Amino acid sequence: MMEKLEQYNEKSSVYLAYLGGYQTIWANHVFNPSSKLQTFNKGKKNIELAVKNAPDNFEIRYIRFSVQKNAPAFLGYNNHLKEDKDFLVKNKKNINSDFVQKNIETLLK
């Protein structure tokens, strides 16, 4: 599945963020420690590229915040937590879905 996602031609910023999120989660299931770190770093790179290309996209910032909040501290991928949390708090009023609002509130706790 990972290969199919990586070969998909759609490279929008939102797609890259979701691909990156998937890669960081998939790293938990990789057995070889070197491959595990490589997979996580690939995901991190895709998320950061997505944020760079669309810094005001709520969905992308939500993905990065979620990954950084749940990533093990020793990986050092937590340098945008405050920035993303502030962005999400400031912009959550623009979300119309009660379900998404509830998920955001849960994640921000």
PDB file of N, CA and C in Angstrom:
ATOM      1  N   MET A   1       0.813  -1.191   0.000  1.00  0.00           N
ATOM      2  CA  MET A   1       0.000   0.000   0.000  1.00  0.00           C
ATOM      3  C   MET A   1       0.861   1.261   0.000  1.00  0.00           C
ATOM      4  N   MET A   2       1.947   1.236   0.767  1.00  0.00           N
ATOM      5  CA  MET A   2       2.824   2.404   0.846  1.00  0.00           C
ATOM      6  C   MET A   2       3.366   2.764  -0.530  1.00  0.00           C
ATOM      7  N   GLU A   3       3.785   1.761  -1.292  1.00  0.00           N
ATOM      8  CA  GLU A   3       4.334   2.026  -2.625  1.00  0.00           C
ATOM      9  C   GLU A   3       3.288   2.679  -3.521  1.00  0.00           C
ATOM     10  N   LYS A   4       2.052   2.205  -3.447  1.00  0.00           N
ATOM     11  CA  LYS A   4       0.985   2.782  -4.271  1.00  0.00           C
ATOM     12  C   LYS A   4       0.743   4.237  -3.903  1.00  0.00           C
ATOM     13  N   LEU A   5       0.738   4.536  -2.620  1.00  0.00           N
ATOM     14  CA  LEU A   5       0.533   5.916  -2.189  1.00  0.00           C
ATOM     15  C   LEU A   5       1.671   6.814  -2.650  1.00  0.00           C
ATOM     16  N   GLU A   6       2.908   6.314  -2.551  1.00  0.00           N
ATOM     17  CA  GLU A   6       4.062   7.116  -2.943  1.00  0.00           C
ATOM     18  C   GLU A   6       4.126   7.324  -4.449  1.00  0.00           C
ATOM     19  N   GLN A   7       3.562   6.410  -5.227  1.00  0.00           N
ATOM     20  CA  GLN A   7       3.592   6.524  -6.685  1.00  0.00           C
ATOM     21  C   GLN A   7       2.419   7.320  -7.236  1.00  0.00           C
ATOM     22  N   TYR A   8       1.432   7.591  -6.410  1.00  0.00           N
ATOM     23  CA  TYR A   8       0.247   8.329  -6.851  1.00  0.00           C
ATOM     24  C   TYR A   8       0.678   9.698  -7.368  1.00  0.00           C
ATOM     25  N   ASN A   9       0.149  10.112  -8.491  1.00  0.00           N
ATOM     26  CA  ASN A   9       0.597  11.343  -9.142  1.00  0.00           C
ATOM     27  C   ASN A   9       0.088  12.622  -8.483  1.00  0.00           C
ATOM     28  N   GLU A  10      -0.967  12.524  -7.721  1.00  0.00           N
ATOM     29  CA  GLU A  10      -1.509  13.706  -7.045  1.00  0.00           C
ATOM     30  C   GLU A  10      -0.519  14.152  -5.972  1.00  0.00           C
ATOM     31  N   LYS A  11       0.001  15.332  -6.096  1.00  0.00           N
ATOM     32  CA  LYS A  11       0.969  15.820  -5.116  1.00  0.00           C
ATOM     33  C   LYS A  11       0.519  17.150  -4.523  1.00  0.00           C
ATOM     34  N   SER A  12      -0.785  17.297  -4.278  1.00  0.00           N
ATOM     35  CA  SER A  12      -1.273  18.511  -3.636  1.00  0.00           C
ATOM     36  C   SER A  12      -0.721  18.564  -2.210  1.00  0.00           C
ATOM     37  N   SER A  13      -0.760  19.716  -1.624  1.00  0.00           N
ATOM     38  CA  SER A  13      -0.248  19.876  -0.267  1.00  0.00           C
ATOM     39  C   SER A  13      -1.022  19.032   0.732  1.00  0.00           C
ATOM     40  N   VAL A  14      -2.337  18.975   0.582  1.00  0.00           N
ATOM     41  CA  VAL A  14      -3.144  18.162   1.496  1.00  0.00           C
ATOM     42  C   VAL A  14      -2.786  16.686   1.331  1.00  0.00           C
ATOM     43  N   TYR A  15      -2.613  16.236   0.089  1.00  0.00           N
ATOM     44  CA  TYR A  15      -2.212  14.847  -0.158  1.00  0.00           C
ATOM     45  C   TYR A  15      -0.867  14.559   0.511  1.00  0.00           C
ATOM     46  N   LEU A  16       0.096  15.473   0.352  1.00  0.00           N
ATOM     47  CA  LEU A  16       1.416  15.271   0.958  1.00  0.00           C
ATOM     48  C   LEU A  16       1.319  15.179   2.481  1.00  0.00           C
ATOM     49  N   ALA A  17       0.466  16.005   3.068  1.00  0.00           N
ATOM     50  CA  ALA A  17       0.306  15.971   4.524  1.00  0.00           C
ATOM     51  C   ALA A  17      -0.264  14.629   4.978  1.00  0.00           C
ATOM     52  N   TYR A  18      -1.289  14.156   4.276  1.00  0.00           N
ATOM     53  CA  TYR A  18      -1.861  12.853   4.646  1.00  0.00           C
ATOM     54  C   TYR A  18      -0.873  11.713   4.399  1.00  0.00           C
ATOM     55  N   LEU A  19      -0.142  11.781   3.292  1.00  0.00           N
ATOM     56  CA  LEU A  19       0.879  10.770   3.019  1.00  0.00           C
ATOM     57  C   LEU A  19       1.927  10.785   4.128  1.00  0.00           C
ATOM     58  N   GLY A  20       2.377  11.976   4.491  1.00  0.00           N
ATOM     59  CA  GLY A  20       3.361  12.100   5.564  1.00  0.00           C
ATOM     60  C   GLY A  20       2.847  11.567   6.888  1.00  0.00           C
ATOM     61  N   GLY A  21       1.596  11.877   7.203  1.00  0.00           N
ATOM     62  CA  GLY A  21       0.997  11.357   8.430  1.00  0.00           C
ATOM     63  C   GLY A  21       0.946   9.841   8.417  1.00  0.00           C
ATOM     64  N   TYR A  22       0.553   9.288   7.277  1.00  0.00           N
ATOM     65  CA  TYR A  22       0.494   7.830   7.132  1.00  0.00           C
ATOM     66  C   TYR A  22       1.892   7.223   7.295  1.00  0.00           C
ATOM     67  N   GLN A  23       2.890   7.855   6.691  1.00  0.00           N
ATOM     68  CA  GLN A  23       4.254   7.324   6.779  1.00  0.00           C
ATOM     69  C   GLN A  23       4.768   7.342   8.218  1.00  0.00           C
ATOM     70  N   THR A  24       4.471   8.410   8.948  1.00  0.00           N
ATOM     71  CA  THR A  24       4.944   8.471  10.334  1.00  0.00           C
ATOM     72  C   THR A  24       4.274   7.405  11.193  1.00  0.00           C
ATOM     73  N   ILE A  25       3.006   7.125  10.930  1.00  0.00           N
ATOM     74  CA  ILE A  25       2.307   6.064  11.662  1.00  0.00           C
ATOM     75  C   ILE A  25       2.812   4.691  11.221  1.00  0.00           C
ATOM     76  N   TRP A  26       3.026   4.540   9.925  1.00  0.00           N
ATOM     77  CA  TRP A  26       3.501   3.264   9.381  1.00  0.00           C
ATOM     78  C   TRP A  26       4.869   2.895   9.969  1.00  0.00           C
ATOM     79  N   ALA A  27       5.659   3.890  10.320  1.00  0.00           N
ATOM     80  CA  ALA A  27       6.983   3.627  10.891  1.00  0.00           C
ATOM     81  C   ALA A  27       6.884   2.759  12.145  1.00  0.00           C
ATOM     82  N   ASN A  28       5.779   2.834  12.869  1.00  0.00           N
ATOM     83  CA  ASN A  28       5.580   1.985  14.053  1.00  0.00           C
ATOM     84  C   ASN A  28       5.558   0.505  13.706  1.00  0.00           C
ATOM     85  N   HIS A  29       5.216   0.191  12.474  1.00  0.00           N
ATOM     86  CA  HIS A  29       5.031  -1.204  12.067  1.00  0.00           C
ATOM     87  C   HIS A  29       6.224  -1.771  11.289  1.00  0.00           C
ATOM     88  N   VAL A  30       7.241  -0.959  11.109  1.00  0.00           N
ATOM     89  CA  VAL A  30       8.447  -1.407  10.408  1.00  0.00           C
ATOM     90  C   VAL A  30       9.364  -2.062  11.437  1.00  0.00           C
ATOM     91  N   PHE A  31       9.901  -3.233  11.102  1.00  0.00           N
ATOM     92  CA  PHE A  31      10.685  -4.007  12.059  1.00  0.00           C
ATOM     93  C   PHE A  31      12.112  -3.477  12.212  1.00  0.00           C
ATOM     94  N   ASN A  32      12.798  -3.237  11.109  1.00  0.00           N
ATOM     95  CA  ASN A  32      14.191  -2.800  11.125  1.00  0.00           C
ATOM     96  C   ASN A  32      14.283  -1.363  11.658  1.00  0.00           C
ATOM     97  N   PRO A  33      15.073  -1.119  12.720  1.00  0.00           N
ATOM     98  CA  PRO A  33      15.166   0.221  13.308  1.00  0.00           C
ATOM     99  C   PRO A  33      15.615   1.302  12.323  1.00  0.00           C
ATOM    100  N   SER A  34      16.544   0.958  11.448  1.00  0.00           N
ATOM    101  CA  SER A  34      17.013   1.926  10.456  1.00  0.00           C
ATOM    102  C   SER A  34      15.894   2.284   9.475  1.00  0.00           C
ATOM    103  N   SER A  35      15.178   1.277   9.012  1.00  0.00           N
ATOM    104  CA  SER A  35      14.054   1.508   8.096  1.00  0.00           C
ATOM    105  C   SER A  35      12.925   2.249   8.797  1.00  0.00           C
ATOM    106  N   LYS A  36      12.751   1.961  10.065  1.00  0.00           N
ATOM    107  CA  LYS A  36      11.717   2.625  10.867  1.00  0.00           C
ATOM    108  C   LYS A  36      11.974   4.134  10.897  1.00  0.00           C
ATOM    109  N   LEU A  37      13.217   4.511  11.198  1.00  0.00           N
ATOM    110  CA  LEU A  37      13.578   5.928  11.249  1.00  0.00           C
ATOM    111  C   LEU A  37      13.494   6.566   9.866  1.00  0.00           C
ATOM    112  N   GLN A  38      13.937   5.846   8.858  1.00  0.00           N
ATOM    113  CA  GLN A  38      13.881   6.349   7.485  1.00  0.00           C
ATOM    114  C   GLN A  38      12.428   6.607   7.059  1.00  0.00           C
ATOM    115  N   THR A  39      11.534   5.705   7.395  1.00  0.00           N
ATOM    116  CA  THR A  39      10.117   5.865   7.053  1.00  0.00           C
ATOM    117  C   THR A  39       9.524   7.059   7.792  1.00  0.00           C
ATOM    118  N   PHE A  40       9.849   7.188   9.080  1.00  0.00           N
ATOM    119  CA  PHE A  40       9.352   8.328   9.857  1.00  0.00           C
ATOM    120  C   PHE A  40       9.856   9.637   9.263  1.00  0.00           C
ATOM    121  N   ASN A  41      11.142   9.689   8.932  1.00  0.00           N
ATOM    122  CA  ASN A  41      11.717  10.918   8.381  1.00  0.00           C
ATOM    123  C   ASN A  41      11.125  11.279   7.021  1.00  0.00           C
ATOM    124  N   LYS A  42      10.794  10.273   6.225  1.00  0.00           N
ATOM    125  CA  LYS A  42      10.123  10.519   4.943  1.00  0.00           C
ATOM    126  C   LYS A  42       8.774  11.196   5.185  1.00  0.00           C
ATOM    127  N   GLY A  43       8.056  10.679   6.157  1.00  0.00           N
ATOM    128  CA  GLY A  43       6.761  11.254   6.503  1.00  0.00           C
ATOM    129  C   GLY A  43       6.893  12.672   7.019  1.00  0.00           C
ATOM    130  N   LYS A  44       7.871  12.877   7.867  1.00  0.00           N
ATOM    131  CA  LYS A  44       8.125  14.210   8.416  1.00  0.00           C
ATOM    132  C   LYS A  44       8.434  15.198   7.289  1.00  0.00           C
ATOM    133  N   LYS A  45       9.248  14.769   6.341  1.00  0.00           N
ATOM    134  CA  LYS A  45       9.613  15.620   5.203  1.00  0.00           C
ATOM    135  C   LYS A  45       8.373  15.993   4.381  1.00  0.00           C
ATOM    136  N   ASN A  46       7.502  15.026   4.147  1.00  0.00           N
ATOM    137  CA  ASN A  46       6.289  15.305   3.375  1.00  0.00           C
ATOM    138  C   ASN A  46       5.358  16.265   4.113  1.00  0.00           C
ATOM    139  N   ILE A  47       5.226  16.095   5.416  1.00  0.00           N
ATOM    140  CA  ILE A  47       4.389  17.005   6.198  1.00  0.00           C
ATOM    141  C   ILE A  47       4.963  18.419   6.148  1.00  0.00           C
ATOM    142  N   GLU A  48       6.264  18.545   6.351  1.00  0.00           N
ATOM    143  CA  GLU A  48       6.884  19.875   6.348  1.00  0.00           C
ATOM    144  C   GLU A  48       6.768  20.545   4.979  1.00  0.00           C
ATOM    145  N   LEU A  49       6.892  19.773   3.912  1.00  0.00           N
ATOM    146  CA  LEU A  49       6.722  20.323   2.564  1.00  0.00           C
ATOM    147  C   LEU A  49       5.288  20.809   2.373  1.00  0.00           C
ATOM    148  N   ALA A  50       4.337  20.053   2.869  1.00  0.00           N
ATOM    149  CA  ALA A  50       2.930  20.450   2.769  1.00  0.00           C
ATOM    150  C   ALA A  50       2.684  21.760   3.512  1.00  0.00           C
ATOM    151  N   VAL A  51       3.241  21.891   4.714  1.00  0.00           N
ATOM    152  CA  VAL A  51       3.068  23.124   5.494  1.00  0.00           C
ATOM    153  C   VAL A  51       3.747  24.292   4.789  1.00  0.00           C
ATOM    154  N   LYS A  52       4.917  24.042   4.231  1.00  0.00           N
ATOM    155  CA  LYS A  52       5.630  25.103   3.510  1.00  0.00           C
ATOM    156  C   LYS A  52       4.808  25.598   2.321  1.00  0.00           C
ATOM    157  N   ASN A  53       4.172  24.673   1.604  1.00  0.00           N
ATOM    158  CA  ASN A  53       3.396  25.035   0.419  1.00  0.00           C
ATOM    159  C   ASN A  53       2.045  25.662   0.751  1.00  0.00           C
ATOM    160  N   ALA A  54       1.487  25.328   1.905  1.00  0.00           N
ATOM    161  CA  ALA A  54       0.161  25.849   2.277  1.00  0.00           C
ATOM    162  C   ALA A  54       0.113  26.106   3.784  1.00  0.00           C
ATOM    163  N   PRO A  55       0.839  27.123   4.256  1.00  0.00           N
ATOM    164  CA  PRO A  55       0.954  27.347   5.698  1.00  0.00           C
ATOM    165  C   PRO A  55      -0.355  27.728   6.393  1.00  0.00           C
ATOM    166  N   ASP A  56      -1.339  28.194   5.654  1.00  0.00           N
ATOM    167  CA  ASP A  56      -2.608  28.604   6.255  1.00  0.00           C
ATOM    168  C   ASP A  56      -3.694  27.546   6.136  1.00  0.00           C
ATOM    169  N   ASN A  57      -3.331  26.340   5.730  1.00  0.00           N
ATOM    170  CA  ASN A  57      -4.311  25.270   5.576  1.00  0.00           C
ATOM    171  C   ASN A  57      -4.531  24.586   6.927  1.00  0.00           C
ATOM    172  N   PHE A  58      -5.744  24.693   7.427  1.00  0.00           N
ATOM    173  CA  PHE A  58      -6.091  24.153   8.744  1.00  0.00           C
ATOM    174  C   PHE A  58      -5.857  22.648   8.821  1.00  0.00           C
ATOM    175  N   GLU A  59      -6.279  21.941   7.788  1.00  0.00           N
ATOM    176  CA  GLU A  59      -6.178  20.479   7.766  1.00  0.00           C
ATOM    177  C   GLU A  59      -4.722  20.019   7.861  1.00  0.00           C
ATOM    178  N   ILE A  60      -3.853  20.695   7.133  1.00  0.00           N
ATOM    179  CA  ILE A  60      -2.429  20.347   7.136  1.00  0.00           C
ATOM    180  C   ILE A  60      -1.812  20.621   8.505  1.00  0.00           C
ATOM    181  N   ARG A  61      -2.153  21.762   9.085  1.00  0.00           N
ATOM    182  CA  ARG A  61      -1.607  22.096  10.398  1.00  0.00           C
ATOM    183  C   ARG A  61      -2.138  21.135  11.472  1.00  0.00           C
ATOM    184  N   TYR A  62      -3.375  20.687  11.302  1.00  0.00           N
ATOM    185  CA  TYR A  62      -3.970  19.708  12.217  1.00  0.00           C
ATOM    186  C   TYR A  62      -3.194  18.387  12.149  1.00  0.00           C
ATOM    187  N   ILE A  63      -2.848  17.960  10.951  1.00  0.00           N
ATOM    188  CA  ILE A  63      -2.086  16.720  10.774  1.00  0.00           C
ATOM    189  C   ILE A  63      -0.716  16.846  11.432  1.00  0.00           C
ATOM    190  N   ARG A  64      -0.021  17.967  11.159  1.00  0.00           N
ATOM    191  CA  ARG A  64       1.317  18.130  11.748  1.00  0.00           C
ATOM    192  C   ARG A  64       1.238  18.172  13.272  1.00  0.00           C
ATOM    193  N   PHE A  65       0.262  18.902  13.807  1.00  0.00           N
ATOM    194  CA  PHE A  65       0.122  18.978  15.261  1.00  0.00           C
ATOM    195  C   PHE A  65      -0.125  17.591  15.857  1.00  0.00           C
ATOM    196  N   SER A  66      -0.996  16.839  15.235  1.00  0.00           N
ATOM    197  CA  SER A  66      -1.328  15.500  15.713  1.00  0.00           C
ATOM    198  C   SER A  66      -0.105  14.588  15.709  1.00  0.00           C
ATOM    199  N   VAL A  67       0.653  14.622  14.629  1.00  0.00           N
ATOM    200  CA  VAL A  67       1.859  13.783  14.533  1.00  0.00           C
ATOM    201  C   VAL A  67       2.886  14.215  15.571  1.00  0.00           C
ATOM    202  N   GLN A  68       3.133  15.533  15.682  1.00  0.00           N
ATOM    203  CA  GLN A  68       4.144  16.000  16.626  1.00  0.00           C
ATOM    204  C   GLN A  68       3.742  15.727  18.072  1.00  0.00           C
ATOM    205  N   LYS A  69       2.468  15.857  18.360  1.00  0.00           N
ATOM    206  CA  LYS A  69       2.002  15.612  19.728  1.00  0.00           C
ATOM    207  C   LYS A  69       2.173  14.146  20.120  1.00  0.00           C
ATOM    208  N   ASN A  70       2.055  13.256  19.161  1.00  0.00           N
ATOM    209  CA  ASN A  70       2.106  11.821  19.449  1.00  0.00           C
ATOM    210  C   ASN A  70       3.441  11.158  19.125  1.00  0.00           C
ATOM    211  N   ALA A  71       4.370  11.888  18.529  1.00  0.00           N
ATOM    212  CA  ALA A  71       5.677  11.316  18.189  1.00  0.00           C
ATOM    213  C   ALA A  71       6.529  11.179  19.458  1.00  0.00           C
ATOM    214  N   PRO A  72       7.303  10.114  19.562  1.00  0.00           N
ATOM    215  CA  PRO A  72       8.204   9.971  20.712  1.00  0.00           C
ATOM    216  C   PRO A  72       9.173  11.152  20.792  1.00  0.00           C
ATOM    217  N   ALA A  73       9.406  11.638  21.994  1.00  0.00           N
ATOM    218  CA  ALA A  73      10.241  12.825  22.203  1.00  0.00           C
ATOM    219  C   ALA A  73      11.650  12.659  21.644  1.00  0.00           C
ATOM    220  N   PHE A  74      12.205  11.440  21.715  1.00  0.00           N
ATOM    221  CA  PHE A  74      13.587  11.245  21.265  1.00  0.00           C
ATOM    222  C   PHE A  74      13.762  11.489  19.767  1.00  0.00           C
ATOM    223  N   LEU A  75      12.662  11.502  19.008  1.00  0.00           N
ATOM    224  CA  LEU A  75      12.758  11.788  17.570  1.00  0.00           C
ATOM    225  C   LEU A  75      12.945  13.279  17.303  1.00  0.00           C
ATOM    226  N   GLY A  76      12.648  14.102  18.290  1.00  0.00           N
ATOM    227  CA  GLY A  76      12.867  15.536  18.154  1.00  0.00           C
ATOM    228  C   GLY A  76      11.915  16.233  17.192  1.00  0.00           C
ATOM    229  N   TYR A  77      10.792  15.615  16.903  1.00  0.00           N
ATOM    230  CA  TYR A  77       9.834  16.232  15.979  1.00  0.00           C
ATOM    231  C   TYR A  77       8.680  16.830  16.781  1.00  0.00           C
ATOM    232  N   ASN A  78       9.008  17.928  17.460  1.00  0.00           N
ATOM    233  CA  ASN A  78       8.001  18.596  18.277  1.00  0.00           C
ATOM    234  C   ASN A  78       8.204  20.112  18.304  1.00  0.00           C
ATOM    235  N   ASN A  79       8.948  20.623  17.343  1.00  0.00           N
ATOM    236  CA  ASN A  79       9.334  22.028  17.350  1.00  0.00           C
ATOM    237  C   ASN A  79       8.249  22.998  16.883  1.00  0.00           C
ATOM    238  N   HIS A  80       7.116  22.498  16.412  1.00  0.00           N
ATOM    239  CA  HIS A  80       6.047  23.396  15.952  1.00  0.00           C
ATOM    240  C   HIS A  80       4.761  23.214  16.756  1.00  0.00           C
ATOM    241  N   LEU A  81       4.834  22.549  17.886  1.00  0.00           N
ATOM    242  CA  LEU A  81       3.625  22.268  18.669  1.00  0.00           C
ATOM    243  C   LEU A  81       2.894  23.544  19.089  1.00  0.00           C
ATOM    244  N   LYS A  82       3.604  24.482  19.678  1.00  0.00           N
ATOM    245  CA  LYS A  82       2.960  25.713  20.148  1.00  0.00           C
ATOM    246  C   LYS A  82       2.417  26.516  18.977  1.00  0.00           C
ATOM    247  N   GLU A  83       3.214  26.649  17.941  1.00  0.00           N
ATOM    248  CA  GLU A  83       2.794  27.396  16.745  1.00  0.00           C
ATOM    249  C   GLU A  83       1.521  26.796  16.142  1.00  0.00           C
ATOM    250  N   ASP A  84       1.492  25.488  15.992  1.00  0.00           N
ATOM    251  CA  ASP A  84       0.322  24.831  15.407  1.00  0.00           C
ATOM    252  C   ASP A  84      -0.881  24.887  16.343  1.00  0.00           C
ATOM    253  N   LYS A  85      -0.641  24.714  17.634  1.00  0.00           N
ATOM    254  CA  LYS A  85      -1.753  24.789  18.591  1.00  0.00           C
ATOM    255  C   LYS A  85      -2.385  26.174  18.549  1.00  0.00           C
ATOM    256  N   ASP A  86      -1.557  27.214  18.553  1.00  0.00           N
ATOM    257  CA  ASP A  86      -2.072  28.585  18.473  1.00  0.00           C
ATOM    258  C   ASP A  86      -2.867  28.796  17.187  1.00  0.00           C
ATOM    259  N   PHE A  87      -2.356  28.278  16.078  1.00  0.00           N
ATOM    260  CA  PHE A  87      -3.045  28.393  14.790  1.00  0.00           C
ATOM    261  C   PHE A  87      -4.397  27.684  14.837  1.00  0.00           C
ATOM    262  N   LEU A  88      -4.424  26.480  15.388  1.00  0.00           N
ATOM    263  CA  LEU A  88      -5.663  25.704  15.450  1.00  0.00           C
ATOM    264  C   LEU A  88      -6.695  26.376  16.352  1.00  0.00           C
ATOM    265  N   VAL A  89      -6.257  26.869  17.506  1.00  0.00           N
ATOM    266  CA  VAL A  89      -7.176  27.552  18.426  1.00  0.00           C
ATOM    267  C   VAL A  89      -7.751  28.797  17.759  1.00  0.00           C
ATOM    268  N   LYS A  90      -6.893  29.550  17.103  1.00  0.00           N
ATOM    269  CA  LYS A  90      -7.321  30.793  16.453  1.00  0.00           C
ATOM    270  C   LYS A  90      -8.308  30.533  15.311  1.00  0.00           C
ATOM    271  N   ASN A  91      -8.142  29.448  14.590  1.00  0.00           N
ATOM    272  CA  ASN A  91      -8.932  29.209  13.380  1.00  0.00           C
ATOM    273  C   ASN A  91     -10.023  28.150  13.506  1.00  0.00           C
ATOM    274  N   LYS A  92     -10.152  27.530  14.659  1.00  0.00           N
ATOM    275  CA  LYS A  92     -11.144  26.449  14.786  1.00  0.00           C
ATOM    276  C   LYS A  92     -12.575  26.952  14.651  1.00  0.00           C
ATOM    277  N   LYS A  93     -12.795  28.227  14.882  1.00  0.00           N
ATOM    278  CA  LYS A  93     -14.146  28.789  14.749  1.00  0.00           C
ATOM    279  C   LYS A  93     -14.644  28.746  13.304  1.00  0.00           C
ATOM    280  N   ASN A  94     -13.737  28.590  12.362  1.00  0.00           N
ATOM    281  CA  ASN A  94     -14.108  28.536  10.946  1.00  0.00           C
ATOM    282  C   ASN A  94     -14.546  27.141  10.499  1.00  0.00           C
ATOM    283  N   ILE A  95     -14.458  26.157  11.383  1.00  0.00           N
ATOM    284  CA  ILE A  95     -14.839  24.784  11.051  1.00  0.00           C
ATOM    285  C   ILE A  95     -16.330  24.608  11.329  1.00  0.00           C
ATOM    286  N   ASN A  96     -17.061  24.143  10.332  1.00  0.00           N
ATOM    287  CA  ASN A  96     -18.511  24.006  10.449  1.00  0.00           C
ATOM    288  C   ASN A  96     -18.963  22.664  11.007  1.00  0.00           C
ATOM    289  N   SER A  97     -18.134  21.670  10.949  1.00  0.00           N
ATOM    290  CA  SER A  97     -18.510  20.320  11.376  1.00  0.00           C
ATOM    291  C   SER A  97     -18.359  20.159  12.893  1.00  0.00           C
ATOM    292  N   ASP A  98     -19.439  19.757  13.559  1.00  0.00           N
ATOM    293  CA  ASP A  98     -19.378  19.502  15.003  1.00  0.00           C
ATOM    294  C   ASP A  98     -18.425  18.353  15.319  1.00  0.00           C
ATOM    295  N   PHE A  99     -18.409  17.346  14.450  1.00  0.00           N
ATOM    296  CA  PHE A  99     -17.532  16.194  14.633  1.00  0.00           C
ATOM    297  C   PHE A  99     -16.064  16.626  14.615  1.00  0.00           C
ATOM    298  N   VAL A 100     -15.701  17.444  13.636  1.00  0.00           N
ATOM    299  CA  VAL A 100     -14.314  17.917  13.530  1.00  0.00           C
ATOM    300  C   VAL A 100     -13.986  18.824  14.714  1.00  0.00           C
ATOM    301  N   GLN A 101     -14.919  19.697  15.092  1.00  0.00           N
ATOM    302  CA  GLN A 101     -14.714  20.569  16.256  1.00  0.00           C
ATOM    303  C   GLN A 101     -14.402  19.737  17.507  1.00  0.00           C
ATOM    304  N   LYS A 102     -15.157  18.665  17.697  1.00  0.00           N
ATOM    305  CA  LYS A 102     -14.970  17.803  18.867  1.00  0.00           C
ATOM    306  C   LYS A 102     -13.595  17.132  18.830  1.00  0.00           C
ATOM    307  N   ASN A 103     -13.187  16.664  17.653  1.00  0.00           N
ATOM    308  CA  ASN A 103     -11.864  16.036  17.513  1.00  0.00           C
ATOM    309  C   ASN A 103     -10.750  17.031  17.783  1.00  0.00           C
ATOM    310  N   ILE A 104     -10.935  18.251  17.336  1.00  0.00           N
ATOM    311  CA  ILE A 104      -9.926  19.289  17.570  1.00  0.00           C
ATOM    312  C   ILE A 104      -9.805  19.557  19.065  1.00  0.00           C
ATOM    313  N   GLU A 105     -10.941  19.707  19.733  1.00  0.00           N
ATOM    314  CA  GLU A 105     -10.932  19.947  21.181  1.00  0.00           C
ATOM    315  C   GLU A 105     -10.211  18.819  21.921  1.00  0.00           C
ATOM    316  N   THR A 106     -10.482  17.589  21.528  1.00  0.00           N
ATOM    317  CA  THR A 106      -9.842  16.432  22.161  1.00  0.00           C
ATOM    318  C   THR A 106      -8.331  16.462  21.946  1.00  0.00           C
ATOM    319  N   LEU A 107      -7.909  16.763  20.737  1.00  0.00           N
ATOM    320  CA  LEU A 107      -6.480  16.788  20.423  1.00  0.00           C
ATOM    321  C   LEU A 107      -5.765  17.924  21.151  1.00  0.00           C
ATOM    322  N   LEU A 108      -6.424  19.055  21.303  1.00  0.00           N
ATOM    323  CA  LEU A 108      -5.785  20.214  21.922  1.00  0.00           C
ATOM    324  C   LEU A 108      -5.614  20.075  23.432  1.00  0.00           C
ATOM    325  N   LYS A 109      -6.289  19.121  24.050  1.00  0.00           N
ATOM    326  CA  LYS A 109      -6.181  18.940  25.519  1.00  0.00           C
ATOM    327  C   LYS A 109      -4.838  18.403  25.913  1.00  0.00           C
TER     328      LYS A 109
END
